[in-house]
Amino acid sequence: MASSKLQLFLKRRLRVRNQLRKTANGRPRLSVHRSNKNISVQLIDDLNGVTIAAASSLEKDLGLIGKNNVEAAAKIGTLIAERAKAKGVEVCYFDRGGYLYHGKVKALADAAREGGLKF
């Protein structure tokens, strides 16, 4: 029996996250969420259960509300890198969730790397 797209997505997300947890070594997690209209990212400390920094295309001062394209993802990537460095975080691991590492997710990751985050 074929699984639905949602079931396949959830299965892929758990598989990715479980593989990353094995190699985390206490580093924070850079988690990506992508919808049809927006993209957001959080830097999460799983040991303490707190969000260290976050960035989203929903922030009014960025002027990206309702935009979910490669350029918006790149701006969000540079913004999260700046905010993470301001909090003293330079090393993390990238949790793409169930999304493929292509297009917007790849642009966000590349911009975060250029901004100074290492993963």
N, C-alpha and C. Protein backbone atom coordinates (compact mmCIF):
# COMPACT_ATOMS: atom_id res chain seq x y z
N MET A 1 0.84 -1.17 0.00
CA MET A 1 0.00 0.00 0.00
C MET A 1 0.89 1.25 0.00
N ALA A 2 0.56 2.19 -0.84
CA ALA A 2 1.35 3.40 -0.97
C ALA A 2 1.06 4.35 0.19
N SER A 3 2.10 5.01 0.68
CA SER A 3 1.94 5.98 1.76
C SER A 3 1.59 7.34 1.17
N SER A 4 0.94 8.16 1.96
CA SER A 4 0.62 9.50 1.49
C SER A 4 1.87 10.37 1.52
N LYS A 5 1.79 11.51 0.86
CA LYS A 5 2.94 12.41 0.84
C LYS A 5 3.30 12.88 2.24
N LEU A 6 2.30 13.13 3.06
CA LEU A 6 2.56 13.58 4.43
C LEU A 6 3.27 12.50 5.24
N GLN A 7 2.84 11.27 5.10
CA GLN A 7 3.50 10.17 5.83
C GLN A 7 4.94 10.00 5.38
N LEU A 8 5.18 10.12 4.08
CA LEU A 8 6.55 10.02 3.57
C LEU A 8 7.41 11.16 4.08
N PHE A 9 6.84 12.37 4.13
CA PHE A 9 7.56 13.53 4.64
C PHE A 9 7.94 13.34 6.10
N LEU A 10 6.98 12.91 6.91
CA LEU A 10 7.24 12.71 8.34
C LEU A 10 8.28 11.63 8.58
N LYS A 11 8.22 10.58 7.79
CA LYS A 11 9.19 9.49 7.90
C LYS A 11 10.59 9.99 7.55
N ARG A 12 10.68 10.78 6.48
CA ARG A 12 11.96 11.33 6.04
C ARG A 12 12.50 12.30 7.09
N ARG A 13 11.62 13.11 7.70
CA ARG A 13 12.06 14.07 8.72
C ARG A 13 12.63 13.35 9.94
N LEU A 14 11.95 12.31 10.39
CA LEU A 14 12.46 11.54 11.54
C LEU A 14 13.77 10.85 11.22
N ARG A 15 13.90 10.34 10.02
CA ARG A 15 15.14 9.67 9.63
C ARG A 15 16.30 10.65 9.64
N VAL A 16 16.10 11.83 9.09
CA VAL A 16 17.16 12.85 9.05
C VAL A 16 17.52 13.28 10.47
N ARG A 17 16.51 13.56 11.29
CA ARG A 17 16.77 14.06 12.64
C ARG A 17 17.47 13.01 13.51
N ASN A 18 17.08 11.75 13.39
CA ASN A 18 17.72 10.70 14.17
C ASN A 18 19.17 10.51 13.76
N GLN A 19 19.46 10.60 12.49
CA GLN A 19 20.85 10.49 12.04
C GLN A 19 21.68 11.66 12.58
N LEU A 20 21.10 12.85 12.59
CA LEU A 20 21.83 14.02 13.06
C LEU A 20 22.06 13.97 14.57
N ARG A 21 21.10 13.44 15.31
CA ARG A 21 21.26 13.36 16.77
C ARG A 21 22.43 12.47 17.17
N LYS A 22 22.72 11.48 16.37
CA LYS A 22 23.83 10.57 16.68
C LYS A 22 25.17 11.30 16.63
N THR A 23 25.27 12.32 15.79
CA THR A 23 26.55 13.01 15.61
C THR A 23 26.52 14.44 16.14
N ALA A 24 25.52 14.79 16.95
CA ALA A 24 25.35 16.18 17.39
C ALA A 24 26.47 16.66 18.30
N ASN A 25 26.87 15.86 19.28
CA ASN A 25 27.92 16.23 20.23
C ASN A 25 27.63 17.55 20.94
N GLY A 26 26.37 17.79 21.29
CA GLY A 26 26.02 18.99 22.05
C GLY A 26 25.92 20.26 21.24
N ARG A 27 26.08 20.19 19.93
CA ARG A 27 25.97 21.38 19.10
C ARG A 27 24.50 21.76 18.92
N PRO A 28 24.21 23.04 18.73
CA PRO A 28 22.83 23.42 18.46
C PRO A 28 22.39 22.98 17.06
N ARG A 29 21.09 22.95 16.87
CA ARG A 29 20.50 22.46 15.62
C ARG A 29 19.91 23.64 14.85
N LEU A 30 20.26 23.77 13.58
CA LEU A 30 19.70 24.79 12.70
C LEU A 30 18.55 24.14 11.94
N SER A 31 17.33 24.40 12.38
CA SER A 31 16.15 23.73 11.86
C SER A 31 15.40 24.62 10.88
N VAL A 32 15.04 24.06 9.72
CA VAL A 32 14.38 24.80 8.65
C VAL A 32 12.92 24.40 8.56
N HIS A 33 12.05 25.38 8.40
CA HIS A 33 10.64 25.12 8.10
C HIS A 33 10.27 25.94 6.87
N ARG A 34 9.66 25.26 5.91
CA ARG A 34 9.31 25.91 4.66
C ARG A 34 7.84 25.65 4.39
N SER A 35 7.11 26.71 4.09
CA SER A 35 5.71 26.56 3.70
C SER A 35 5.58 27.06 2.27
N ASN A 36 4.36 27.10 1.78
CA ASN A 36 4.16 27.59 0.42
C ASN A 36 4.42 29.08 0.30
N LYS A 37 4.20 29.83 1.38
CA LYS A 37 4.32 31.27 1.31
C LYS A 37 5.52 31.85 2.05
N ASN A 38 6.08 31.14 3.01
CA ASN A 38 7.16 31.69 3.85
C ASN A 38 8.20 30.63 4.16
N ILE A 39 9.32 31.10 4.68
CA ILE A 39 10.39 30.21 5.11
C ILE A 39 10.93 30.74 6.44
N SER A 40 11.22 29.83 7.36
CA SER A 40 11.75 30.25 8.65
C SER A 40 12.81 29.26 9.10
N VAL A 41 13.66 29.73 10.00
CA VAL A 41 14.75 28.91 10.51
C VAL A 41 14.96 29.24 11.98
N GLN A 42 15.31 28.21 12.76
CA GLN A 42 15.58 28.39 14.18
C GLN A 42 16.89 27.71 14.53
N LEU A 43 17.61 28.31 15.44
CA LEU A 43 18.80 27.70 16.02
C LEU A 43 18.40 27.21 17.40
N ILE A 44 18.34 25.89 17.60
CA ILE A 44 17.76 25.29 18.79
C ILE A 44 18.83 24.56 19.58
N ASP A 45 18.85 24.80 20.89
CA ASP A 45 19.70 24.05 21.80
C ASP A 45 18.85 22.91 22.37
N ASP A 46 19.06 21.69 21.88
CA ASP A 46 18.25 20.55 22.27
C ASP A 46 18.54 20.09 23.70
N LEU A 47 19.72 20.37 24.21
CA LEU A 47 20.06 19.95 25.57
C LEU A 47 19.22 20.71 26.60
N ASN A 48 19.05 22.02 26.39
CA ASN A 48 18.28 22.83 27.31
C ASN A 48 16.84 23.04 26.84
N GLY A 49 16.55 22.71 25.59
CA GLY A 49 15.21 22.87 25.06
C GLY A 49 14.82 24.32 24.82
N VAL A 50 15.77 25.15 24.35
CA VAL A 50 15.48 26.56 24.10
C VAL A 50 15.90 26.94 22.68
N THR A 51 15.24 27.96 22.16
CA THR A 51 15.61 28.53 20.87
C THR A 51 16.61 29.64 21.11
N ILE A 52 17.77 29.52 20.48
CA ILE A 52 18.83 30.51 20.66
C ILE A 52 18.58 31.72 19.77
N ALA A 53 18.27 31.48 18.50
CA ALA A 53 18.01 32.55 17.54
C ALA A 53 17.03 32.05 16.49
N ALA A 54 16.33 32.98 15.88
CA ALA A 54 15.37 32.61 14.85
C ALA A 54 15.30 33.71 13.81
N ALA A 55 14.92 33.34 12.59
CA ALA A 55 14.70 34.30 11.51
C ALA A 55 13.60 33.76 10.62
N SER A 56 12.82 34.67 10.06
CA SER A 56 11.69 34.25 9.25
C SER A 56 11.39 35.30 8.20
N SER A 57 10.78 34.87 7.11
CA SER A 57 10.34 35.82 6.09
C SER A 57 9.09 36.56 6.54
N LEU A 58 8.53 36.21 7.70
CA LEU A 58 7.36 36.90 8.24
C LEU A 58 7.71 38.18 9.00
N GLU A 59 8.99 38.44 9.21
CA GLU A 59 9.41 39.65 9.92
C GLU A 59 9.16 40.87 9.04
N LYS A 60 8.47 41.85 9.60
CA LYS A 60 8.03 43.00 8.81
C LYS A 60 9.19 43.85 8.31
N ASP A 61 10.25 44.01 9.13
CA ASP A 61 11.34 44.89 8.73
C ASP A 61 12.16 44.36 7.57
N LEU A 62 12.04 43.07 7.25
CA LEU A 62 12.76 42.50 6.11
C LEU A 62 12.03 42.77 4.80
N GLY A 63 10.72 42.93 4.85
CA GLY A 63 9.95 43.17 3.64
C GLY A 63 9.79 41.93 2.79
N LEU A 64 9.83 40.76 3.39
CA LEU A 64 9.74 39.51 2.64
C LEU A 64 8.44 38.75 2.91
N ILE A 65 7.45 39.39 3.51
CA ILE A 65 6.23 38.69 3.89
C ILE A 65 5.55 38.14 2.64
N GLY A 66 5.27 36.85 2.69
CA GLY A 66 4.62 36.19 1.57
C GLY A 66 5.54 35.79 0.45
N LYS A 67 6.84 35.97 0.64
CA LYS A 67 7.80 35.58 -0.39
C LYS A 67 8.53 34.34 0.06
N ASN A 68 8.48 33.34 -0.76
CA ASN A 68 9.19 32.09 -0.48
C ASN A 68 9.92 31.70 -1.76
N ASN A 69 11.02 32.40 -2.01
CA ASN A 69 11.83 32.08 -3.18
C ASN A 69 13.29 31.97 -2.75
N VAL A 70 14.15 31.71 -3.69
CA VAL A 70 15.56 31.47 -3.39
C VAL A 70 16.21 32.72 -2.81
N GLU A 71 15.85 33.90 -3.31
CA GLU A 71 16.44 35.14 -2.81
C GLU A 71 16.03 35.38 -1.35
N ALA A 72 14.77 35.14 -1.03
CA ALA A 72 14.30 35.31 0.34
C ALA A 72 15.00 34.31 1.27
N ALA A 73 15.18 33.08 0.80
CA ALA A 73 15.86 32.07 1.61
C ALA A 73 17.31 32.48 1.88
N ALA A 74 17.97 33.06 0.88
CA ALA A 74 19.35 33.51 1.07
C ALA A 74 19.42 34.64 2.09
N LYS A 75 18.46 35.56 2.06
CA LYS A 75 18.45 36.65 3.05
C LYS A 75 18.22 36.11 4.45
N ILE A 76 17.35 35.14 4.57
CA ILE A 76 17.08 34.54 5.88
C ILE A 76 18.33 33.81 6.38
N GLY A 77 19.07 33.17 5.48
CA GLY A 77 20.30 32.47 5.85
C GLY A 77 21.36 33.42 6.39
N THR A 78 21.54 34.56 5.74
CA THR A 78 22.52 35.53 6.23
C THR A 78 22.08 36.13 7.56
N LEU A 79 20.77 36.35 7.70
CA LEU A 79 20.24 36.92 8.94
C LEU A 79 20.43 35.97 10.13
N ILE A 80 20.17 34.68 9.93
CA ILE A 80 20.34 33.73 11.04
C ILE A 80 21.82 33.60 11.40
N ALA A 81 22.70 33.71 10.41
CA ALA A 81 24.13 33.64 10.70
C ALA A 81 24.57 34.83 11.56
N GLU A 82 24.06 36.02 11.24
CA GLU A 82 24.39 37.21 12.03
C GLU A 82 23.87 37.07 13.46
N ARG A 83 22.64 36.61 13.60
CA ARG A 83 22.05 36.49 14.93
C ARG A 83 22.73 35.40 15.75
N ALA A 84 23.14 34.32 15.10
CA ALA A 84 23.83 33.25 15.81
C ALA A 84 25.20 33.72 16.29
N LYS A 85 25.92 34.44 15.44
CA LYS A 85 27.23 34.94 15.84
C LYS A 85 27.10 35.96 16.97
N ALA A 86 26.03 36.74 16.97
CA ALA A 86 25.80 37.69 18.06
C ALA A 86 25.56 36.98 19.38
N LYS A 87 24.98 35.78 19.34
CA LYS A 87 24.75 34.97 20.54
C LYS A 87 25.96 34.11 20.89
N GLY A 88 27.01 34.14 20.06
CA GLY A 88 28.21 33.38 20.36
C GLY A 88 28.22 31.97 19.80
N VAL A 89 27.37 31.67 18.85
CA VAL A 89 27.32 30.33 18.25
C VAL A 89 27.95 30.39 16.87
N GLU A 90 28.96 29.55 16.65
CA GLU A 90 29.59 29.50 15.34
C GLU A 90 29.50 28.13 14.71
N VAL A 91 29.27 27.09 15.53
CA VAL A 91 29.21 25.72 15.02
C VAL A 91 27.84 25.14 15.38
N CYS A 92 27.18 24.55 14.40
CA CYS A 92 25.89 23.91 14.61
C CYS A 92 25.77 22.76 13.62
N TYR A 93 24.63 22.10 13.62
CA TYR A 93 24.38 21.13 12.57
C TYR A 93 23.08 21.46 11.89
N PHE A 94 23.01 21.18 10.60
CA PHE A 94 21.91 21.61 9.74
C PHE A 94 20.84 20.53 9.68
N ASP A 95 19.64 20.87 10.13
CA ASP A 95 18.50 19.96 10.10
C ASP A 95 17.55 20.44 9.02
N ARG A 96 17.59 19.79 7.89
CA ARG A 96 16.74 20.19 6.77
C ARG A 96 15.33 19.67 6.92
N GLY A 97 15.07 18.90 7.97
CA GLY A 97 13.75 18.32 8.17
C GLY A 97 13.47 17.29 7.10
N GLY A 98 12.29 17.28 6.57
CA GLY A 98 11.95 16.35 5.51
C GLY A 98 12.12 16.94 4.13
N TYR A 99 12.65 18.16 4.06
CA TYR A 99 12.80 18.84 2.78
C TYR A 99 14.07 18.37 2.07
N LEU A 100 14.01 18.33 0.76
CA LEU A 100 15.18 17.96 -0.01
C LEU A 100 16.20 19.10 0.04
N TYR A 101 17.48 18.74 0.01
CA TYR A 101 18.55 19.74 0.03
C TYR A 101 18.71 20.25 -1.40
N HIS A 102 17.81 21.14 -1.78
CA HIS A 102 17.78 21.64 -3.14
C HIS A 102 17.00 22.95 -3.15
N GLY A 103 17.36 23.86 -4.01
CA GLY A 103 16.61 25.10 -4.17
C GLY A 103 16.70 26.01 -2.96
N LYS A 104 15.54 26.26 -2.32
CA LYS A 104 15.46 27.22 -1.22
C LYS A 104 16.24 26.77 0.00
N VAL A 105 16.17 25.48 0.30
CA VAL A 105 16.88 24.96 1.47
C VAL A 105 18.39 25.05 1.26
N LYS A 106 18.84 24.75 0.07
CA LYS A 106 20.26 24.84 -0.26
C LYS A 106 20.73 26.30 -0.24
N ALA A 107 19.92 27.21 -0.76
CA ALA A 107 20.27 28.64 -0.76
C ALA A 107 20.39 29.16 0.67
N LEU A 108 19.49 28.74 1.54
CA LEU A 108 19.54 29.15 2.94
C LEU A 108 20.81 28.63 3.61
N ALA A 109 21.14 27.37 3.37
CA ALA A 109 22.33 26.77 3.97
C ALA A 109 23.61 27.44 3.47
N ASP A 110 23.69 27.69 2.17
CA ASP A 110 24.87 28.33 1.61
C ASP A 110 25.06 29.75 2.15
N ALA A 111 23.96 30.49 2.28
CA ALA A 111 24.05 31.85 2.81
C ALA A 111 24.46 31.84 4.28
N ALA A 112 23.97 30.86 5.05
CA ALA A 112 24.37 30.76 6.46
C ALA A 112 25.86 30.42 6.57
N ARG A 113 26.34 29.57 5.69
CA ARG A 113 27.78 29.25 5.69
C ARG A 113 28.61 30.47 5.33
N GLU A 114 28.18 31.22 4.33
CA GLU A 114 28.90 32.43 3.95
C GLU A 114 28.88 33.47 5.07
N GLY A 115 27.80 33.45 5.88
CA GLY A 115 27.69 34.38 7.00
C GLY A 115 28.56 34.00 8.18
N GLY A 116 29.16 32.81 8.17
CA GLY A 116 30.08 32.44 9.22
C GLY A 116 29.70 31.22 10.04
N LEU A 117 28.53 30.65 9.82
CA LEU A 117 28.17 29.42 10.54
C LEU A 117 28.89 28.23 9.92
N LYS A 118 29.28 27.31 10.77
CA LYS A 118 29.97 26.11 10.29
C LYS A 118 29.09 24.90 10.58
N PHE A 119 28.77 24.15 9.55
CA PHE A 119 28.05 22.88 9.70
C PHE A 119 28.34 22.00 8.53
